[in-house]
Amino acid sequence: MTLPHAPFVVVAGNIGVGKSTLVVRLTQLWDWQAAFEPNDMNPYLGDFYSDMPRWAFNSQVFFLSKRLEQHNRICATAQPTLQDRSVYEDAEIFARNLHERGQLTGRDWDTYYSLYRTMSEIIRPPDLVVYLRASVETLLNRVVRRGRDYERDISVRYLEQLNRLYDDWAGRFSLAPLVVVGANELNWADPASDIGLKVVSEVIQSRLKPAGS
């Protein structure tokens, strides 16, 4: 693969799989740019949590617009970039999950997904998507271990639903090359062990390496 632009790699995966930690360590190792989830406060969140079916569409469109802005900024930069979660996951995993749970109506989902699908065909795709896959048991253990207050009520069932949607999405995603990395046994959060970091680093570098080199 010979790239006419700075490499753009997405690190995808469920809650607790270790995306952010991996992005931090790899960007430090390679001197790349990191792009994390947009921090802009969603003005619809309060309304969404009080009446999800009424405000889910507004909230998800806000998240979609911010993720698209970030995606375009990455494509315009001359710096190699690792992105922590992508616009594709916002739609295919989290918005779809709201729809399946009845919190995003069929009419709103159809409108939202049509907008997302059109935009996803217009934007330049990343050069590689690395899907970190772990069992629900591993995810739950890591969520508990990091002890974030807002993750305290995450259930096994919720993680199972997201894992199913992630696997389905990864199996049909065709806009960019996608590689699955089993994350159950790999630990890049431990600075005393670089084995997990080395494995993922080699996977990414081998997939970005020009053909024949």
N, C-alpha and C. Protein backbone atom coordinates (compact mmCIF):
# COMPACT_ATOMS: atom_id res chain seq x y z
N MET A 1 0.85 -1.18 0.00
CA MET A 1 0.00 0.00 0.00
C MET A 1 0.89 1.24 0.00
N THR A 2 0.80 2.06 -1.05
CA THR A 2 1.54 3.32 -1.10
C THR A 2 0.56 4.45 -0.88
N LEU A 3 0.76 5.21 0.19
CA LEU A 3 -0.20 6.24 0.57
C LEU A 3 0.21 7.60 0.02
N PRO A 4 -0.73 8.31 -0.63
CA PRO A 4 -0.44 9.66 -1.13
C PRO A 4 -0.66 10.72 -0.05
N HIS A 5 -0.89 10.27 1.20
CA HIS A 5 -1.21 11.19 2.28
C HIS A 5 -0.68 10.59 3.58
N ALA A 6 -0.76 11.36 4.65
CA ALA A 6 -0.34 10.86 5.95
C ALA A 6 -1.26 9.72 6.39
N PRO A 7 -0.72 8.66 6.96
CA PRO A 7 -1.55 7.52 7.38
C PRO A 7 -2.61 7.92 8.40
N PHE A 8 -3.78 7.32 8.25
CA PHE A 8 -4.93 7.54 9.11
C PHE A 8 -5.45 6.17 9.53
N VAL A 9 -5.28 5.84 10.82
CA VAL A 9 -5.66 4.53 11.34
C VAL A 9 -6.68 4.69 12.45
N VAL A 10 -7.76 3.94 12.38
CA VAL A 10 -8.81 3.92 13.41
C VAL A 10 -8.57 2.74 14.34
N VAL A 11 -8.68 3.00 15.64
CA VAL A 11 -8.69 1.93 16.63
C VAL A 11 -10.12 1.80 17.14
N ALA A 12 -10.76 0.68 16.80
CA ALA A 12 -12.17 0.47 17.10
C ALA A 12 -12.34 -0.60 18.17
N GLY A 13 -13.47 -0.54 18.87
CA GLY A 13 -13.74 -1.60 19.83
C GLY A 13 -14.70 -1.17 20.92
N ASN A 14 -15.17 -2.15 21.65
CA ASN A 14 -16.19 -1.96 22.67
C ASN A 14 -15.66 -1.20 23.88
N ILE A 15 -16.56 -0.80 24.75
CA ILE A 15 -16.22 -0.12 25.99
C ILE A 15 -15.32 -1.02 26.83
N GLY A 16 -14.19 -0.48 27.29
CA GLY A 16 -13.31 -1.23 28.18
C GLY A 16 -12.25 -2.06 27.50
N VAL A 17 -12.23 -2.08 26.17
CA VAL A 17 -11.26 -2.94 25.48
C VAL A 17 -9.85 -2.36 25.48
N GLY A 18 -9.72 -1.05 25.75
CA GLY A 18 -8.39 -0.45 25.85
C GLY A 18 -7.98 0.41 24.69
N LYS A 19 -8.94 0.95 23.96
CA LYS A 19 -8.64 1.76 22.78
C LYS A 19 -7.80 3.00 23.12
N SER A 20 -8.26 3.76 24.10
CA SER A 20 -7.60 5.03 24.42
C SER A 20 -6.17 4.81 24.90
N THR A 21 -5.97 3.80 25.75
CA THR A 21 -4.64 3.50 26.24
C THR A 21 -3.72 3.10 25.10
N LEU A 22 -4.23 2.29 24.20
CA LEU A 22 -3.42 1.86 23.06
C LEU A 22 -3.07 3.05 22.17
N VAL A 23 -4.04 3.92 21.90
CA VAL A 23 -3.77 5.10 21.07
C VAL A 23 -2.70 5.97 21.72
N VAL A 24 -2.79 6.19 23.02
CA VAL A 24 -1.79 7.02 23.71
C VAL A 24 -0.40 6.40 23.58
N ARG A 25 -0.29 5.12 23.84
CA ARG A 25 1.04 4.50 23.83
C ARG A 25 1.63 4.42 22.43
N LEU A 26 0.80 4.11 21.44
CA LEU A 26 1.32 4.03 20.07
C LEU A 26 1.72 5.39 19.52
N THR A 27 0.92 6.40 19.81
CA THR A 27 1.27 7.74 19.30
C THR A 27 2.53 8.25 19.97
N GLN A 28 2.74 7.90 21.22
CA GLN A 28 3.99 8.27 21.88
C GLN A 28 5.17 7.52 21.27
N LEU A 29 4.94 6.25 20.97
CA LEU A 29 6.00 5.42 20.40
C LEU A 29 6.41 5.88 19.01
N TRP A 30 5.40 6.25 18.21
CA TRP A 30 5.65 6.59 16.80
C TRP A 30 5.73 8.10 16.54
N ASP A 31 5.41 8.91 17.53
CA ASP A 31 5.31 10.36 17.34
C ASP A 31 4.22 10.70 16.31
N TRP A 32 3.08 10.04 16.45
CA TRP A 32 1.91 10.31 15.62
C TRP A 32 0.97 11.24 16.40
N GLN A 33 -0.04 11.71 15.72
CA GLN A 33 -1.10 12.52 16.32
C GLN A 33 -2.22 11.60 16.81
N ALA A 34 -2.77 11.90 18.00
CA ALA A 34 -3.90 11.15 18.53
C ALA A 34 -5.19 11.95 18.38
N ALA A 35 -6.27 11.28 18.02
CA ALA A 35 -7.59 11.92 17.92
C ALA A 35 -8.56 11.12 18.79
N PHE A 36 -9.02 11.76 19.87
CA PHE A 36 -9.93 11.09 20.79
C PHE A 36 -11.37 11.54 20.54
N GLU A 37 -12.30 10.91 21.24
CA GLU A 37 -13.71 11.24 21.04
C GLU A 37 -13.93 12.72 21.31
N PRO A 38 -14.69 13.41 20.44
CA PRO A 38 -14.90 14.85 20.62
C PRO A 38 -15.46 15.18 21.99
N ASN A 39 -14.91 16.22 22.61
CA ASN A 39 -15.31 16.59 23.96
C ASN A 39 -16.44 17.62 24.02
N ASP A 40 -16.89 18.08 22.84
CA ASP A 40 -17.94 19.10 22.84
C ASP A 40 -19.18 18.57 23.58
N MET A 41 -19.64 19.35 24.53
CA MET A 41 -20.79 18.93 25.31
C MET A 41 -22.03 18.87 24.44
N ASN A 42 -22.69 17.74 24.46
CA ASN A 42 -23.90 17.55 23.67
C ASN A 42 -25.05 18.30 24.35
N PRO A 43 -25.62 19.34 23.71
CA PRO A 43 -26.68 20.12 24.35
C PRO A 43 -27.99 19.36 24.50
N TYR A 44 -28.07 18.17 23.91
CA TYR A 44 -29.30 17.40 23.99
C TYR A 44 -29.26 16.32 25.07
N LEU A 45 -28.10 16.12 25.72
CA LEU A 45 -27.96 14.97 26.61
C LEU A 45 -28.96 15.00 27.76
N GLY A 46 -29.15 16.15 28.39
CA GLY A 46 -30.10 16.23 29.50
C GLY A 46 -31.50 15.83 29.06
N ASP A 47 -31.93 16.37 27.93
CA ASP A 47 -33.25 16.01 27.40
C ASP A 47 -33.31 14.54 27.01
N PHE A 48 -32.22 14.04 26.42
CA PHE A 48 -32.17 12.64 25.99
C PHE A 48 -32.39 11.69 27.16
N TYR A 49 -31.71 11.93 28.27
CA TYR A 49 -31.82 11.03 29.41
C TYR A 49 -33.18 11.12 30.10
N SER A 50 -33.89 12.22 29.89
CA SER A 50 -35.23 12.35 30.48
C SER A 50 -36.32 11.79 29.56
N ASP A 51 -36.05 11.76 28.24
CA ASP A 51 -37.04 11.26 27.29
C ASP A 51 -36.30 10.76 26.04
N MET A 52 -35.79 9.53 26.11
CA MET A 52 -34.92 9.01 25.07
C MET A 52 -35.57 8.93 23.69
N PRO A 53 -36.79 8.38 23.57
CA PRO A 53 -37.39 8.30 22.23
C PRO A 53 -37.59 9.67 21.58
N ARG A 54 -37.86 10.69 22.39
CA ARG A 54 -38.09 12.03 21.83
C ARG A 54 -36.79 12.69 21.37
N TRP A 55 -35.69 12.47 22.12
CA TRP A 55 -34.47 13.23 21.86
C TRP A 55 -33.30 12.41 21.31
N ALA A 56 -33.50 11.13 21.11
CA ALA A 56 -32.39 10.29 20.63
C ALA A 56 -31.89 10.75 19.26
N PHE A 57 -32.81 11.09 18.37
CA PHE A 57 -32.40 11.52 17.02
C PHE A 57 -31.55 12.78 17.10
N ASN A 58 -32.01 13.78 17.84
CA ASN A 58 -31.26 15.03 17.96
C ASN A 58 -29.87 14.79 18.53
N SER A 59 -29.82 13.97 19.58
CA SER A 59 -28.55 13.70 20.24
C SER A 59 -27.58 12.98 19.30
N GLN A 60 -28.07 11.98 18.59
CA GLN A 60 -27.20 11.21 17.70
C GLN A 60 -26.74 12.03 16.50
N VAL A 61 -27.57 12.91 15.99
CA VAL A 61 -27.15 13.77 14.88
C VAL A 61 -26.05 14.72 15.35
N PHE A 62 -26.16 15.21 16.58
CA PHE A 62 -25.10 16.07 17.12
C PHE A 62 -23.78 15.30 17.18
N PHE A 63 -23.82 14.08 17.74
CA PHE A 63 -22.61 13.27 17.81
C PHE A 63 -22.05 12.99 16.41
N LEU A 64 -22.94 12.71 15.47
CA LEU A 64 -22.52 12.43 14.10
C LEU A 64 -21.81 13.63 13.48
N SER A 65 -22.37 14.82 13.69
CA SER A 65 -21.77 16.02 13.10
C SER A 65 -20.38 16.27 13.68
N LYS A 66 -20.21 16.07 14.99
CA LYS A 66 -18.91 16.29 15.61
C LYS A 66 -17.89 15.26 15.15
N ARG A 67 -18.33 14.02 14.99
CA ARG A 67 -17.41 12.98 14.53
C ARG A 67 -17.01 13.22 13.08
N LEU A 68 -17.93 13.68 12.25
CA LEU A 68 -17.59 14.00 10.87
C LEU A 68 -16.61 15.16 10.79
N GLU A 69 -16.80 16.18 11.64
CA GLU A 69 -15.85 17.29 11.69
C GLU A 69 -14.45 16.78 12.03
N GLN A 70 -14.38 15.91 13.03
CA GLN A 70 -13.08 15.37 13.43
C GLN A 70 -12.46 14.55 12.29
N HIS A 71 -13.27 13.73 11.65
CA HIS A 71 -12.79 12.89 10.56
C HIS A 71 -12.19 13.75 9.45
N ASN A 72 -12.88 14.81 9.08
CA ASN A 72 -12.38 15.69 8.01
C ASN A 72 -11.12 16.42 8.41
N ARG A 73 -11.00 16.80 9.69
CA ARG A 73 -9.76 17.44 10.15
C ARG A 73 -8.58 16.49 10.06
N ILE A 74 -8.82 15.23 10.40
CA ILE A 74 -7.75 14.23 10.30
C ILE A 74 -7.31 14.07 8.85
N CYS A 75 -8.29 14.00 7.93
CA CYS A 75 -7.96 13.82 6.52
C CYS A 75 -7.18 15.01 5.96
N ALA A 76 -7.38 16.18 6.55
CA ALA A 76 -6.73 17.39 6.03
C ALA A 76 -5.34 17.61 6.61
N THR A 77 -4.99 16.87 7.65
CA THR A 77 -3.71 17.12 8.30
C THR A 77 -2.58 16.37 7.58
N ALA A 78 -1.38 16.88 7.77
CA ALA A 78 -0.19 16.23 7.21
C ALA A 78 0.45 15.31 8.23
N GLN A 79 -0.18 15.16 9.40
CA GLN A 79 0.36 14.32 10.46
C GLN A 79 -0.27 12.92 10.44
N PRO A 80 0.52 11.87 10.54
CA PRO A 80 -0.06 10.53 10.72
C PRO A 80 -0.92 10.52 11.98
N THR A 81 -2.08 9.86 11.91
CA THR A 81 -3.05 9.96 13.01
C THR A 81 -3.63 8.59 13.39
N LEU A 82 -3.75 8.39 14.70
CA LEU A 82 -4.50 7.26 15.24
C LEU A 82 -5.77 7.83 15.88
N GLN A 83 -6.93 7.33 15.45
CA GLN A 83 -8.21 7.81 15.97
C GLN A 83 -8.83 6.80 16.92
N ASP A 84 -9.23 7.29 18.08
CA ASP A 84 -9.91 6.47 19.08
C ASP A 84 -11.40 6.49 18.78
N ARG A 85 -11.89 5.42 18.18
CA ARG A 85 -13.29 5.24 17.76
C ARG A 85 -13.63 6.16 16.59
N SER A 86 -14.52 5.69 15.73
CA SER A 86 -14.78 6.33 14.44
C SER A 86 -16.24 6.72 14.25
N VAL A 87 -16.47 7.48 13.19
CA VAL A 87 -17.83 7.85 12.81
C VAL A 87 -18.65 6.60 12.48
N TYR A 88 -18.00 5.58 11.95
CA TYR A 88 -18.71 4.35 11.59
C TYR A 88 -19.30 3.68 12.82
N GLU A 89 -18.55 3.67 13.91
CA GLU A 89 -19.04 3.05 15.15
C GLU A 89 -20.18 3.85 15.77
N ASP A 90 -20.09 5.17 15.68
CA ASP A 90 -21.18 6.00 16.20
C ASP A 90 -22.52 5.54 15.62
N ALA A 91 -22.52 5.32 14.32
CA ALA A 91 -23.76 4.96 13.63
C ALA A 91 -24.07 3.47 13.74
N GLU A 92 -23.10 2.65 13.35
CA GLU A 92 -23.35 1.21 13.20
C GLU A 92 -23.49 0.48 14.53
N ILE A 93 -22.92 1.02 15.58
CA ILE A 93 -22.98 0.35 16.87
C ILE A 93 -23.93 1.08 17.82
N PHE A 94 -23.62 2.33 18.14
CA PHE A 94 -24.33 3.00 19.23
C PHE A 94 -25.70 3.53 18.81
N ALA A 95 -25.80 4.16 17.64
CA ALA A 95 -27.12 4.60 17.18
C ALA A 95 -28.00 3.39 16.84
N ARG A 96 -27.41 2.38 16.20
CA ARG A 96 -28.17 1.18 15.87
C ARG A 96 -28.68 0.49 17.13
N ASN A 97 -27.86 0.49 18.16
CA ASN A 97 -28.28 -0.12 19.42
C ASN A 97 -29.48 0.62 20.02
N LEU A 98 -29.46 1.94 19.95
CA LEU A 98 -30.60 2.72 20.43
C LEU A 98 -31.86 2.34 19.66
N HIS A 99 -31.71 2.16 18.34
CA HIS A 99 -32.86 1.79 17.52
C HIS A 99 -33.38 0.41 17.92
N GLU A 100 -32.48 -0.54 18.09
CA GLU A 100 -32.89 -1.90 18.43
C GLU A 100 -33.57 -1.96 19.80
N ARG A 101 -33.18 -1.05 20.68
CA ARG A 101 -33.78 -1.02 22.03
C ARG A 101 -35.06 -0.19 22.07
N GLY A 102 -35.48 0.36 20.94
CA GLY A 102 -36.70 1.13 20.88
C GLY A 102 -36.57 2.56 21.34
N GLN A 103 -35.34 3.04 21.51
CA GLN A 103 -35.11 4.41 21.97
C GLN A 103 -34.87 5.38 20.81
N LEU A 104 -34.72 4.84 19.62
CA LEU A 104 -34.63 5.65 18.40
C LEU A 104 -35.69 5.09 17.45
N THR A 105 -36.73 5.86 17.18
CA THR A 105 -37.86 5.35 16.42
C THR A 105 -37.44 4.92 15.02
N GLY A 106 -38.26 4.08 14.40
CA GLY A 106 -37.97 3.62 13.05
C GLY A 106 -37.83 4.75 12.06
N ARG A 107 -38.70 5.73 12.13
CA ARG A 107 -38.65 6.87 11.22
C ARG A 107 -37.36 7.67 11.43
N ASP A 108 -37.02 7.93 12.70
CA ASP A 108 -35.80 8.68 12.99
C ASP A 108 -34.55 7.89 12.59
N TRP A 109 -34.57 6.58 12.84
CA TRP A 109 -33.42 5.75 12.45
C TRP A 109 -33.22 5.76 10.95
N ASP A 110 -34.29 5.63 10.19
CA ASP A 110 -34.17 5.64 8.73
C ASP A 110 -33.56 6.96 8.23
N THR A 111 -34.01 8.07 8.79
CA THR A 111 -33.48 9.38 8.39
C THR A 111 -32.01 9.52 8.79
N TYR A 112 -31.72 9.15 10.03
CA TYR A 112 -30.34 9.24 10.54
C TYR A 112 -29.40 8.36 9.71
N TYR A 113 -29.80 7.12 9.48
CA TYR A 113 -28.92 6.18 8.80
C TYR A 113 -28.72 6.57 7.33
N SER A 114 -29.74 7.13 6.70
CA SER A 114 -29.59 7.61 5.33
C SER A 114 -28.57 8.73 5.26
N LEU A 115 -28.64 9.65 6.22
CA LEU A 115 -27.66 10.74 6.29
C LEU A 115 -26.26 10.19 6.51
N TYR A 116 -26.12 9.30 7.47
CA TYR A 116 -24.81 8.70 7.76
C TYR A 116 -24.26 7.96 6.55
N ARG A 117 -25.09 7.16 5.90
CA ARG A 117 -24.61 6.37 4.77
C ARG A 117 -24.12 7.26 3.64
N THR A 118 -24.84 8.33 3.37
CA THR A 118 -24.41 9.27 2.33
C THR A 118 -23.08 9.91 2.69
N MET A 119 -22.95 10.38 3.93
CA MET A 119 -21.72 11.03 4.36
C MET A 119 -20.55 10.05 4.37
N SER A 120 -20.79 8.82 4.77
CA SER A 120 -19.70 7.84 4.84
C SER A 120 -19.16 7.49 3.45
N GLU A 121 -19.99 7.69 2.42
CA GLU A 121 -19.54 7.44 1.06
C GLU A 121 -18.80 8.64 0.47
N ILE A 122 -18.96 9.82 1.08
CA ILE A 122 -18.32 11.03 0.59
C ILE A 122 -16.94 11.23 1.21
N ILE A 123 -16.83 10.99 2.51
CA ILE A 123 -15.57 11.24 3.22
C ILE A 123 -14.51 10.22 2.80
N ARG A 124 -13.25 10.64 2.89
CA ARG A 124 -12.15 9.72 2.61
C ARG A 124 -12.04 8.72 3.75
N PRO A 125 -12.04 7.44 3.46
CA PRO A 125 -11.98 6.46 4.53
C PRO A 125 -10.58 6.40 5.15
N PRO A 126 -10.47 5.85 6.35
CA PRO A 126 -9.14 5.65 6.94
C PRO A 126 -8.36 4.63 6.12
N ASP A 127 -7.08 4.58 6.36
CA ASP A 127 -6.24 3.61 5.64
C ASP A 127 -6.31 2.23 6.26
N LEU A 128 -6.71 2.17 7.52
CA LEU A 128 -6.82 0.89 8.21
C LEU A 128 -7.72 1.06 9.43
N VAL A 129 -8.53 0.05 9.70
CA VAL A 129 -9.32 -0.02 10.93
C VAL A 129 -8.82 -1.23 11.72
N VAL A 130 -8.42 -1.00 12.96
CA VAL A 130 -7.99 -2.08 13.85
C VAL A 130 -9.10 -2.31 14.86
N TYR A 131 -9.78 -3.43 14.74
CA TYR A 131 -10.89 -3.76 15.65
C TYR A 131 -10.35 -4.62 16.78
N LEU A 132 -10.31 -4.04 17.98
CA LEU A 132 -9.87 -4.77 19.17
C LEU A 132 -11.06 -5.54 19.71
N ARG A 133 -10.96 -6.86 19.70
CA ARG A 133 -12.11 -7.68 20.13
C ARG A 133 -11.78 -8.41 21.41
N ALA A 134 -12.70 -8.33 22.38
CA ALA A 134 -12.52 -9.02 23.66
C ALA A 134 -13.84 -9.59 24.12
N SER A 135 -13.77 -10.60 24.97
CA SER A 135 -14.99 -11.19 25.53
C SER A 135 -15.65 -10.21 26.49
N VAL A 136 -16.92 -10.45 26.75
CA VAL A 136 -17.65 -9.60 27.69
C VAL A 136 -17.01 -9.70 29.08
N GLU A 137 -16.56 -10.87 29.46
CA GLU A 137 -15.91 -11.03 30.77
C GLU A 137 -14.67 -10.13 30.88
N THR A 138 -13.85 -10.12 29.83
CA THR A 138 -12.66 -9.26 29.82
C THR A 138 -13.06 -7.79 29.88
N LEU A 139 -14.04 -7.41 29.07
CA LEU A 139 -14.48 -6.01 29.05
C LEU A 139 -14.98 -5.57 30.43
N LEU A 140 -15.80 -6.39 31.04
CA LEU A 140 -16.37 -6.03 32.34
C LEU A 140 -15.28 -5.92 33.40
N ASN A 141 -14.32 -6.83 33.38
CA ASN A 141 -13.22 -6.78 34.34
C ASN A 141 -12.43 -5.49 34.18
N ARG A 142 -12.20 -5.08 32.96
CA ARG A 142 -11.42 -3.87 32.72
C ARG A 142 -12.22 -2.61 33.09
N VAL A 143 -13.52 -2.64 32.82
CA VAL A 143 -14.37 -1.50 33.20
C VAL A 143 -14.36 -1.33 34.72
N VAL A 144 -14.50 -2.45 35.45
CA VAL A 144 -14.52 -2.40 36.90
C VAL A 144 -13.17 -1.92 37.43
N ARG A 145 -12.09 -2.41 36.82
CA ARG A 145 -10.75 -2.08 37.30
C ARG A 145 -10.43 -0.60 37.14
N ARG A 146 -10.92 0.03 36.07
CA ARG A 146 -10.58 1.44 35.89
C ARG A 146 -11.48 2.37 36.71
N GLY A 147 -12.62 1.87 37.18
CA GLY A 147 -13.39 2.55 38.21
C GLY A 147 -13.97 3.90 37.86
N ARG A 148 -14.45 4.08 36.65
CA ARG A 148 -15.07 5.35 36.28
C ARG A 148 -16.51 5.38 36.78
N ASP A 149 -16.89 6.47 37.44
CA ASP A 149 -18.22 6.56 38.03
C ASP A 149 -19.33 6.38 36.99
N TYR A 150 -19.17 7.00 35.81
CA TYR A 150 -20.24 6.96 34.83
C TYR A 150 -20.37 5.59 34.14
N GLU A 151 -19.41 4.69 34.40
CA GLU A 151 -19.50 3.34 33.84
C GLU A 151 -19.97 2.31 34.87
N ARG A 152 -20.31 2.79 36.04
CA ARG A 152 -20.63 1.88 37.15
C ARG A 152 -21.83 1.00 36.86
N ASP A 153 -22.79 1.51 36.08
CA ASP A 153 -24.03 0.77 35.85
C ASP A 153 -24.04 0.00 34.52
N ILE A 154 -22.90 -0.10 33.86
CA ILE A 154 -22.86 -0.86 32.60
C ILE A 154 -23.10 -2.34 32.90
N SER A 155 -24.04 -2.92 32.17
CA SER A 155 -24.43 -4.31 32.45
C SER A 155 -23.79 -5.28 31.47
N VAL A 156 -23.80 -6.55 31.86
CA VAL A 156 -23.31 -7.61 30.99
C VAL A 156 -24.12 -7.64 29.70
N ARG A 157 -25.43 -7.50 29.83
CA ARG A 157 -26.29 -7.55 28.65
C ARG A 157 -25.96 -6.43 27.66
N TYR A 158 -25.70 -5.24 28.19
CA TYR A 158 -25.37 -4.10 27.32
C TYR A 158 -24.07 -4.38 26.56
N LEU A 159 -23.05 -4.87 27.25
CA LEU A 159 -21.79 -5.19 26.59
C LEU A 159 -21.98 -6.31 25.56
N GLU A 160 -22.84 -7.26 25.87
CA GLU A 160 -23.12 -8.34 24.92
C GLU A 160 -23.76 -7.79 23.65
N GLN A 161 -24.72 -6.88 23.81
CA GLN A 161 -25.38 -6.26 22.65
C GLN A 161 -24.37 -5.52 21.78
N LEU A 162 -23.50 -4.75 22.43
CA LEU A 162 -22.50 -4.00 21.67
C LEU A 162 -21.50 -4.93 20.99
N ASN A 163 -21.09 -6.00 21.67
CA ASN A 163 -20.17 -6.95 21.05
C ASN A 163 -20.79 -7.57 19.80
N ARG A 164 -22.08 -7.92 19.90
CA ARG A 164 -22.76 -8.50 18.74
C ARG A 164 -22.79 -7.52 17.57
N LEU A 165 -23.11 -6.26 17.87
CA LEU A 165 -23.15 -5.26 16.81
C LEU A 165 -21.77 -5.00 16.23
N TYR A 166 -20.76 -4.99 17.07
CA TYR A 166 -19.39 -4.81 16.59
C TYR A 166 -18.99 -5.95 15.65
N ASP A 167 -19.28 -7.17 16.05
CA ASP A 167 -18.90 -8.31 15.20
C ASP A 167 -19.63 -8.27 13.87
N ASP A 168 -20.90 -7.93 13.91
CA ASP A 168 -21.68 -7.83 12.66
C ASP A 168 -21.11 -6.74 11.76
N TRP A 169 -20.82 -5.58 12.34
CA TRP A 169 -20.26 -4.47 11.56
C TRP A 169 -18.90 -4.83 10.97
N ALA A 170 -18.03 -5.42 11.77
CA ALA A 170 -16.69 -5.78 11.30
C ALA A 170 -16.76 -6.79 10.16
N GLY A 171 -17.77 -7.66 10.21
CA GLY A 171 -17.89 -8.69 9.18
C GLY A 171 -18.35 -8.16 7.83
N ARG A 172 -18.98 -6.99 7.80
CA ARG A 172 -19.49 -6.45 6.53
C ARG A 172 -18.87 -5.11 6.15
N PHE A 173 -17.97 -4.58 6.97
CA PHE A 173 -17.37 -3.28 6.67
C PHE A 173 -16.44 -3.41 5.48
N SER A 174 -16.63 -2.54 4.48
CA SER A 174 -15.84 -2.66 3.24
C SER A 174 -15.27 -1.33 2.75
N LEU A 175 -15.43 -0.27 3.54
CA LEU A 175 -14.93 1.04 3.10
C LEU A 175 -13.43 1.18 3.26
N ALA A 176 -12.84 0.36 4.12
CA ALA A 176 -11.39 0.40 4.36
C ALA A 176 -10.95 -0.98 4.82
N PRO A 177 -9.66 -1.29 4.70
CA PRO A 177 -9.17 -2.57 5.25
C PRO A 177 -9.43 -2.62 6.75
N LEU A 178 -9.86 -3.78 7.23
CA LEU A 178 -10.12 -3.96 8.65
C LEU A 178 -9.42 -5.22 9.14
N VAL A 179 -8.71 -5.11 10.25
CA VAL A 179 -8.05 -6.26 10.85
C VAL A 179 -8.55 -6.43 12.27
N VAL A 180 -8.84 -7.68 12.65
CA VAL A 180 -9.32 -7.98 14.00
C VAL A 180 -8.15 -8.43 14.86
N VAL A 181 -8.01 -7.80 16.02
CA VAL A 181 -6.96 -8.17 16.97
C VAL A 181 -7.63 -8.68 18.25
N GLY A 182 -7.37 -9.93 18.60
CA GLY A 182 -7.91 -10.48 19.83
C GLY A 182 -7.26 -9.84 21.04
N ALA A 183 -8.07 -9.20 21.88
CA ALA A 183 -7.51 -8.39 22.96
C ALA A 183 -7.64 -9.05 24.34
N ASN A 184 -8.14 -10.26 24.41
CA ASN A 184 -8.30 -10.91 25.72
C ASN A 184 -6.96 -11.10 26.44
N GLU A 185 -5.96 -11.53 25.70
CA GLU A 185 -4.68 -11.86 26.30
C GLU A 185 -3.63 -10.76 26.14
N LEU A 186 -3.97 -9.69 25.45
CA LEU A 186 -3.01 -8.63 25.21
C LEU A 186 -3.26 -7.47 26.17
N ASN A 187 -2.20 -7.03 26.85
CA ASN A 187 -2.33 -5.96 27.83
C ASN A 187 -1.31 -4.87 27.52
N TRP A 188 -1.79 -3.79 26.92
CA TRP A 188 -0.89 -2.67 26.63
C TRP A 188 -1.02 -1.57 27.69
N ALA A 189 -1.86 -1.81 28.71
CA ALA A 189 -2.01 -0.83 29.78
C ALA A 189 -0.89 -0.94 30.81
N ASP A 190 -0.16 -2.05 30.81
CA ASP A 190 0.91 -2.27 31.77
C ASP A 190 2.23 -1.77 31.19
N PRO A 191 2.76 -0.66 31.70
CA PRO A 191 4.01 -0.12 31.14
C PRO A 191 5.20 -1.04 31.35
N ALA A 192 5.05 -2.02 32.26
CA ALA A 192 6.15 -2.96 32.50
C ALA A 192 6.21 -4.06 31.45
N SER A 193 5.16 -4.17 30.63
CA SER A 193 5.12 -5.20 29.60
C SER A 193 4.74 -4.59 28.26
N ASP A 194 5.60 -4.78 27.27
CA ASP A 194 5.35 -4.20 25.95
C ASP A 194 4.91 -5.24 24.93
N ILE A 195 4.56 -6.44 25.41
CA ILE A 195 4.21 -7.52 24.48
C ILE A 195 2.96 -7.16 23.68
N GLY A 196 1.90 -6.74 24.37
CA GLY A 196 0.66 -6.38 23.66
C GLY A 196 0.87 -5.22 22.72
N LEU A 197 1.61 -4.22 23.18
CA LEU A 197 1.90 -3.06 22.34
C LEU A 197 2.68 -3.47 21.10
N LYS A 198 3.64 -4.36 21.27
CA LYS A 198 4.47 -4.82 20.15
C LYS A 198 3.63 -5.57 19.12
N VAL A 199 2.71 -6.41 19.60
CA VAL A 199 1.87 -7.20 18.69
C VAL A 199 1.03 -6.28 17.81
N VAL A 200 0.34 -5.33 18.42
CA VAL A 200 -0.53 -4.44 17.66
C VAL A 200 0.30 -3.53 16.75
N SER A 201 1.42 -3.06 17.25
CA SER A 201 2.30 -2.20 16.45
C SER A 201 2.74 -2.91 15.18
N GLU A 202 3.11 -4.17 15.31
CA GLU A 202 3.56 -4.94 14.15
C GLU A 202 2.42 -5.20 13.18
N VAL A 203 1.22 -5.43 13.71
CA VAL A 203 0.06 -5.64 12.84
C VAL A 203 -0.20 -4.40 12.00
N ILE A 204 -0.21 -3.23 12.64
CA ILE A 204 -0.50 -1.99 11.91
C ILE A 204 0.60 -1.69 10.90
N GLN A 205 1.84 -1.80 11.31
CA GLN A 205 2.95 -1.49 10.40
C GLN A 205 2.98 -2.43 9.21
N SER A 206 2.65 -3.70 9.43
CA SER A 206 2.66 -4.65 8.30
C SER A 206 1.53 -4.35 7.31
N ARG A 207 0.38 -3.88 7.82
CA ARG A 207 -0.73 -3.58 6.92
C ARG A 207 -0.56 -2.25 6.17
N LEU A 208 0.24 -1.35 6.74
CA LEU A 208 0.48 -0.07 6.07
C LEU A 208 1.71 -0.10 5.18
N LYS A 209 2.50 -1.17 5.29
CA LYS A 209 3.74 -1.26 4.55
C LYS A 209 3.45 -1.35 3.04
N PRO A 210 4.15 -0.59 2.19
CA PRO A 210 3.94 -0.68 0.75
C PRO A 210 4.15 -2.08 0.22
N ALA A 211 3.35 -2.50 -0.74
CA ALA A 211 3.47 -3.82 -1.34
C ALA A 211 4.86 -4.01 -1.92
N GLY A 212 5.44 -5.19 -1.61
CA GLY A 212 6.76 -5.51 -2.15
C GLY A 212 7.91 -5.01 -1.33
N SER A 213 7.63 -4.24 -0.25
CA SER A 213 8.74 -3.71 0.56
C SER A 213 9.10 -4.67 1.68
